[in-house]
Amino acid sequence: MNEFDKIKGFDGWQKKLLELLDKAEDAAEKKEWPPRRKVSHQLKEFILQSSPNTAEILELDRIAKETRISLLKTTIEERLELIANRQADLLKLTKTIRSAAADNLASAASLRLERTRRVVDSLTATVNDLREFRSTLETGINEGFAASIETLIERIQILRATIENCR
């Protein structure tokens, strides 16, 4: 079992990459190669292990790949600047994903409200049509049928009230 086995979803992979970017920043400040190589290896493993390969996860992989390249630069200043750019990329991606998720939730709520309105309007029209139909029945001839229509109207009104109270 390795450090990546329990990571799930964008939030988990984003958190892990942020951790690796912090390690990369620390390693980039060192002139010695071994600390940079260790983080570079971890970033490579991140790229290999991250899943599923959605657009968001692939963008995290791109940031990890560019960070690996940044660790190979000659001067500390170059490495730190490039890693800071990758951290900014990650923050931007995270904001974009969260904004899209919030927009999707708002859209879904709007669709549910619209569908609820259509159902309530349809039930109201049905009640009106049934009342009109009941009034056209001849008195005395269809008493049982008229009573059934009245019962149906009452049940539809209860259903409509229930739906209206749920929204």
C-alpha atoms as a PDB file:
ATOM      1  CA  MET A   1       0.000   0.000   0.000  1.00  0.00           C
ATOM      2  CA  ASN A   2       1.387   3.415  -0.922  1.00  0.00           C
ATOM      3  CA  GLU A   3       0.510   6.999  -0.046  1.00  0.00           C
ATOM      4  CA  PHE A   4      -1.893   7.281  -3.009  1.00  0.00           C
ATOM      5  CA  ASP A   5      -4.063   4.198  -2.459  1.00  0.00           C
ATOM      6  CA  LYS A   6      -6.777   5.816  -0.349  1.00  0.00           C
ATOM      7  CA  ILE A   7      -7.133   9.044  -2.337  1.00  0.00           C
ATOM      8  CA  LYS A   8     -10.527   9.485  -4.008  1.00  0.00           C
ATOM      9  CA  GLY A   9     -12.080  12.238  -6.119  1.00  0.00           C
ATOM     10  CA  PHE A  10     -10.867  15.640  -7.184  1.00  0.00           C
ATOM     11  CA  ASP A  11     -10.739  17.054  -3.642  1.00  0.00           C
ATOM     12  CA  GLY A  12      -8.509  14.221  -2.410  1.00  0.00           C
ATOM     13  CA  TRP A  13      -6.126  14.472  -5.380  1.00  0.00           C
ATOM     14  CA  GLN A  14      -6.070  18.270  -5.183  1.00  0.00           C
ATOM     15  CA  LYS A  15      -5.138  18.093  -1.482  1.00  0.00           C
ATOM     16  CA  LYS A  16      -2.357  15.573  -2.208  1.00  0.00           C
ATOM     17  CA  LEU A  17      -0.948  17.685  -5.038  1.00  0.00           C
ATOM     18  CA  LEU A  18      -0.957  20.749  -2.807  1.00  0.00           C
ATOM     19  CA  GLU A  19       1.049  18.739  -0.254  1.00  0.00           C
ATOM     20  CA  LEU A  20       3.520  17.669  -2.964  1.00  0.00           C
ATOM     21  CA  LEU A  21       3.844  21.251  -4.226  1.00  0.00           C
ATOM     22  CA  ASP A  22       4.784  22.335  -0.692  1.00  0.00           C
ATOM     23  CA  LYS A  23       7.433  19.581  -0.621  1.00  0.00           C
ATOM     24  CA  ALA A  24       8.644  20.649  -4.064  1.00  0.00           C
ATOM     25  CA  GLU A  25       8.996  24.219  -2.881  1.00  0.00           C
ATOM     26  CA  ASP A  26      11.104  23.090   0.090  1.00  0.00           C
ATOM     27  CA  ALA A  27      13.232  20.803  -2.105  1.00  0.00           C
ATOM     28  CA  ALA A  28      13.708  23.540  -4.715  1.00  0.00           C
ATOM     29  CA  GLU A  29      15.450  25.697  -2.135  1.00  0.00           C
ATOM     30  CA  LYS A  30      18.193  23.092  -1.767  1.00  0.00           C
ATOM     31  CA  LYS A  31      21.183  22.858  -4.083  1.00  0.00           C
ATOM     32  CA  GLU A  32      21.526  19.119  -3.521  1.00  0.00           C
ATOM     33  CA  TRP A  33      19.894  16.815  -6.021  1.00  0.00           C
ATOM     34  CA  PRO A  34      18.507  13.987  -3.743  1.00  0.00           C
ATOM     35  CA  PRO A  35      15.659  16.000  -2.117  1.00  0.00           C
ATOM     36  CA  ARG A  36      14.507  17.261  -5.532  1.00  0.00           C
ATOM     37  CA  ARG A  37      14.761  13.768  -7.017  1.00  0.00           C
ATOM     38  CA  LYS A  38      12.633  12.345  -4.164  1.00  0.00           C
ATOM     39  CA  VAL A  39       9.830  14.874  -4.719  1.00  0.00           C
ATOM     40  CA  SER A  40      10.138  14.435  -8.480  1.00  0.00           C
ATOM     41  CA  HIS A  41       9.587  10.711  -7.988  1.00  0.00           C
ATOM     42  CA  GLN A  42       6.535  11.382  -5.793  1.00  0.00           C
ATOM     43  CA  LEU A  43       5.114  13.690  -8.468  1.00  0.00           C
ATOM     44  CA  LYS A  44       5.667  10.978 -11.089  1.00  0.00           C
ATOM     45  CA  GLU A  45       3.810   8.496  -8.875  1.00  0.00           C
ATOM     46  CA  PHE A  46       1.027  11.057  -8.434  1.00  0.00           C
ATOM     47  CA  ILE A  47       0.632  11.247 -12.222  1.00  0.00           C
ATOM     48  CA  LEU A  48       0.617   7.466 -12.542  1.00  0.00           C
ATOM     49  CA  GLN A  49      -1.805   6.844  -9.667  1.00  0.00           C
ATOM     50  CA  SER A  50      -4.314   9.699 -10.004  1.00  0.00           C
ATOM     51  CA  SER A  51      -7.723   8.686 -11.273  1.00  0.00           C
ATOM     52  CA  PRO A  52     -10.252   8.774 -12.811  1.00  0.00           C
ATOM     53  CA  ASN A  53      -8.843  10.489 -15.881  1.00  0.00           C
ATOM     54  CA  THR A  54     -11.399  13.289 -15.960  1.00  0.00           C
ATOM     55  CA  ALA A  55     -10.496  16.702 -17.349  1.00  0.00           C
ATOM     56  CA  GLU A  56      -9.960  17.995 -13.810  1.00  0.00           C
ATOM     57  CA  ILE A  57      -7.655  15.137 -12.769  1.00  0.00           C
ATOM     58  CA  LEU A  58      -5.702  15.420 -16.025  1.00  0.00           C
ATOM     59  CA  GLU A  59      -5.200  19.112 -15.258  1.00  0.00           C
ATOM     60  CA  LEU A  60      -3.794  18.141 -11.849  1.00  0.00           C
ATOM     61  CA  ASP A  61      -1.471  15.720 -13.678  1.00  0.00           C
ATOM     62  CA  ARG A  62      -0.315  18.553 -15.940  1.00  0.00           C
ATOM     63  CA  ILE A  63       0.523  20.688 -12.918  1.00  0.00           C
ATOM     64  CA  ALA A  64       2.431  17.775 -11.334  1.00  0.00           C
ATOM     65  CA  LYS A  65       4.355  17.188 -14.589  1.00  0.00           C
ATOM     66  CA  GLU A  66       5.336  20.849 -14.906  1.00  0.00           C
ATOM     67  CA  THR A  67       6.435  20.873 -11.270  1.00  0.00           C
ATOM     68  CA  ARG A  68       8.704  17.865 -11.944  1.00  0.00           C
ATOM     69  CA  ILE A  69      10.302  19.789 -14.799  1.00  0.00           C
ATOM     70  CA  SER A  70      10.671  22.833 -12.566  1.00  0.00           C
ATOM     71  CA  LEU A  71      12.672  20.841 -10.032  1.00  0.00           C
ATOM     72  CA  LEU A  72      15.321  20.163 -12.700  1.00  0.00           C
ATOM     73  CA  LYS A  73      16.113  23.830 -13.348  1.00  0.00           C
ATOM     74  CA  THR A  74      19.586  25.061 -12.524  1.00  0.00           C
ATOM     75  CA  THR A  75      19.051  27.908 -10.063  1.00  0.00           C
ATOM     76  CA  ILE A  76      16.995  28.014  -6.924  1.00  0.00           C
ATOM     77  CA  GLU A  77      15.242  31.170  -8.128  1.00  0.00           C
ATOM     78  CA  GLU A  78      14.118  29.488 -11.348  1.00  0.00           C
ATOM     79  CA  ARG A  79      12.823  26.474  -9.486  1.00  0.00           C
ATOM     80  CA  LEU A  80      10.931  28.511  -6.899  1.00  0.00           C
ATOM     81  CA  GLU A  81       9.356  30.765  -9.537  1.00  0.00           C
ATOM     82  CA  LEU A  82       8.161  27.829 -11.624  1.00  0.00           C
ATOM     83  CA  ILE A  83       6.792  25.961  -8.598  1.00  0.00           C
ATOM     84  CA  ALA A  84       4.977  29.105  -7.446  1.00  0.00           C
ATOM     85  CA  ASN A  85       3.393  29.252 -10.912  1.00  0.00           C
ATOM     86  CA  ARG A  86       2.215  25.639 -10.548  1.00  0.00           C
ATOM     87  CA  GLN A  87       0.713  26.435  -7.143  1.00  0.00           C
ATOM     88  CA  ALA A  88      -1.156  29.345  -8.724  1.00  0.00           C
ATOM     89  CA  ASP A  89      -2.381  27.000 -11.496  1.00  0.00           C
ATOM     90  CA  LEU A  90      -3.682  24.574  -8.884  1.00  0.00           C
ATOM     91  CA  LEU A  91      -5.505  27.294  -6.952  1.00  0.00           C
ATOM     92  CA  LYS A  92      -7.076  28.602 -10.167  1.00  0.00           C
ATOM     93  CA  LEU A  93      -8.211  25.107 -11.172  1.00  0.00           C
ATOM     94  CA  THR A  94      -9.674  24.493  -7.713  1.00  0.00           C
ATOM     95  CA  LYS A  95     -11.672  27.743  -7.876  1.00  0.00           C
ATOM     96  CA  THR A  96     -12.905  26.921 -11.373  1.00  0.00           C
ATOM     97  CA  ILE A  97     -14.063  23.442 -10.341  1.00  0.00           C
ATOM     98  CA  ARG A  98     -15.818  24.708  -7.211  1.00  0.00           C
ATOM     99  CA  SER A  99     -17.513  27.515  -9.133  1.00  0.00           C
ATOM    100  CA  ALA A 100     -18.768  25.081 -11.775  1.00  0.00           C
ATOM    101  CA  ALA A 101     -20.089  22.772  -9.070  1.00  0.00           C
ATOM    102  CA  ALA A 102     -21.978  25.637  -7.401  1.00  0.00           C
ATOM    103  CA  ASP A 103     -23.447  26.699 -10.760  1.00  0.00           C
ATOM    104  CA  ASN A 104     -24.562  23.128 -11.445  1.00  0.00           C
ATOM    105  CA  LEU A 105     -26.310  22.910  -8.068  1.00  0.00           C
ATOM    106  CA  ALA A 106     -28.132  26.194  -8.715  1.00  0.00           C
ATOM    107  CA  SER A 107     -29.220  25.008 -12.162  1.00  0.00           C
ATOM    108  CA  ALA A 108     -30.508  21.729 -10.761  1.00  0.00           C
ATOM    109  CA  ALA A 109     -32.541  23.554  -8.109  1.00  0.00           C
ATOM    110  CA  SER A 110     -34.018  25.833 -10.756  1.00  0.00           C
ATOM    111  CA  LEU A 111     -35.016  22.840 -12.906  1.00  0.00           C
ATOM    112  CA  ARG A 112     -36.678  21.138  -9.941  1.00  0.00           C
ATOM    113  CA  LEU A 113     -38.671  24.311  -9.169  1.00  0.00           C
ATOM    114  CA  GLU A 114     -39.747  24.656 -12.810  1.00  0.00           C
ATOM    115  CA  ARG A 115     -40.895  21.019 -12.946  1.00  0.00           C
ATOM    116  CA  THR A 116     -42.781  21.434  -9.679  1.00  0.00           C
ATOM    117  CA  ARG A 117     -44.582  24.488 -11.069  1.00  0.00           C
ATOM    118  CA  ARG A 118     -45.556  22.573 -14.211  1.00  0.00           C
ATOM    119  CA  VAL A 119     -46.960  19.679 -12.158  1.00  0.00           C
ATOM    120  CA  VAL A 120     -48.928  22.030  -9.875  1.00  0.00           C
ATOM    121  CA  ASP A 121     -50.290  23.924 -12.891  1.00  0.00           C
ATOM    122  CA  SER A 122     -51.261  20.653 -14.554  1.00  0.00           C
ATOM    123  CA  LEU A 123     -53.037  19.411 -11.427  1.00  0.00           C
ATOM    124  CA  THR A 124     -54.908  22.721 -11.111  1.00  0.00           C
ATOM    125  CA  ALA A 125     -56.048  22.485 -14.740  1.00  0.00           C
ATOM    126  CA  THR A 126     -57.127  18.878 -14.162  1.00  0.00           C
ATOM    127  CA  VAL A 127     -59.223  19.893 -11.135  1.00  0.00           C
ATOM    128  CA  ASN A 128     -60.849  22.701 -13.156  1.00  0.00           C
ATOM    129  CA  ASP A 129     -61.579  20.336 -16.058  1.00  0.00           C
ATOM    130  CA  LEU A 130     -63.066  17.709 -13.715  1.00  0.00           C
ATOM    131  CA  ARG A 131     -65.307  20.313 -12.033  1.00  0.00           C
ATOM    132  CA  GLU A 132     -66.502  21.520 -15.413  1.00  0.00           C
ATOM    133  CA  PHE A 133     -67.146  17.938 -16.540  1.00  0.00           C
ATOM    134  CA  ARG A 134     -69.043  17.128 -13.309  1.00  0.00           C
ATOM    135  CA  SER A 135     -71.304  20.140 -13.784  1.00  0.00           C
ATOM    136  CA  THR A 136     -72.291  18.892 -17.244  1.00  0.00           C
ATOM    137  CA  LEU A 137     -73.533  15.558 -15.956  1.00  0.00           C
ATOM    138  CA  GLU A 138     -77.313  15.207 -15.755  1.00  0.00           C
ATOM    139  CA  THR A 139     -78.608  15.461 -12.237  1.00  0.00           C
ATOM    140  CA  GLY A 140     -79.754  12.193 -10.720  1.00  0.00           C
ATOM    141  CA  ILE A 141     -78.634   9.953 -13.563  1.00  0.00           C
ATOM    142  CA  ASN A 142     -74.943   9.667 -12.680  1.00  0.00           C
ATOM    143  CA  GLU A 143     -74.898  10.343  -8.913  1.00  0.00           C
ATOM    144  CA  GLY A 144     -72.282   7.607  -8.207  1.00  0.00           C
ATOM    145  CA  PHE A 145     -70.099   8.773 -11.064  1.00  0.00           C
ATOM    146  CA  ALA A 146     -70.367  12.412  -9.918  1.00  0.00           C
ATOM    147  CA  ALA A 147     -69.381  11.326  -6.380  1.00  0.00           C
ATOM    148  CA  SER A 148     -66.337   9.514  -7.791  1.00  0.00           C
ATOM    149  CA  ILE A 149     -65.306  12.658  -9.649  1.00  0.00           C
ATOM    150  CA  GLU A 150     -65.701  14.706  -6.450  1.00  0.00           C
ATOM    151  CA  THR A 151     -63.492  12.211  -4.557  1.00  0.00           C
ATOM    152  CA  LEU A 152     -60.887  12.390  -7.324  1.00  0.00           C
ATOM    153  CA  ILE A 153     -60.909  16.199  -7.210  1.00  0.00           C
ATOM    154  CA  GLU A 154     -60.349  16.132  -3.444  1.00  0.00           C
ATOM    155  CA  ARG A 155     -57.419  13.701  -3.766  1.00  0.00           C
ATOM    156  CA  ILE A 156     -55.817  15.738  -6.551  1.00  0.00           C
ATOM    157  CA  GLN A 157     -56.124  18.880  -4.400  1.00  0.00           C
ATOM    158  CA  ILE A 158     -54.435  17.081  -1.491  1.00  0.00           C
ATOM    159  CA  LEU A 159     -51.644  15.938  -3.820  1.00  0.00           C
ATOM    160  CA  ARG A 160     -51.237  19.473  -5.214  1.00  0.00           C
ATOM    161  CA  ALA A 161     -51.053  20.943  -1.694  1.00  0.00           C
ATOM    162  CA  THR A 162     -48.444  18.344  -0.700  1.00  0.00           C
ATOM    163  CA  ILE A 163     -46.312  19.160  -3.737  1.00  0.00           C
ATOM    164  CA  GLU A 164     -46.605  22.897  -3.127  1.00  0.00           C
ATOM    165  CA  ASN A 165     -45.506  22.475   0.503  1.00  0.00           C
ATOM    166  CA  CYS A 166     -42.427  20.423  -0.542  1.00  0.00           C
ATOM    167  CA  ARG A 167     -40.854  23.044  -2.752  1.00  0.00           C
END
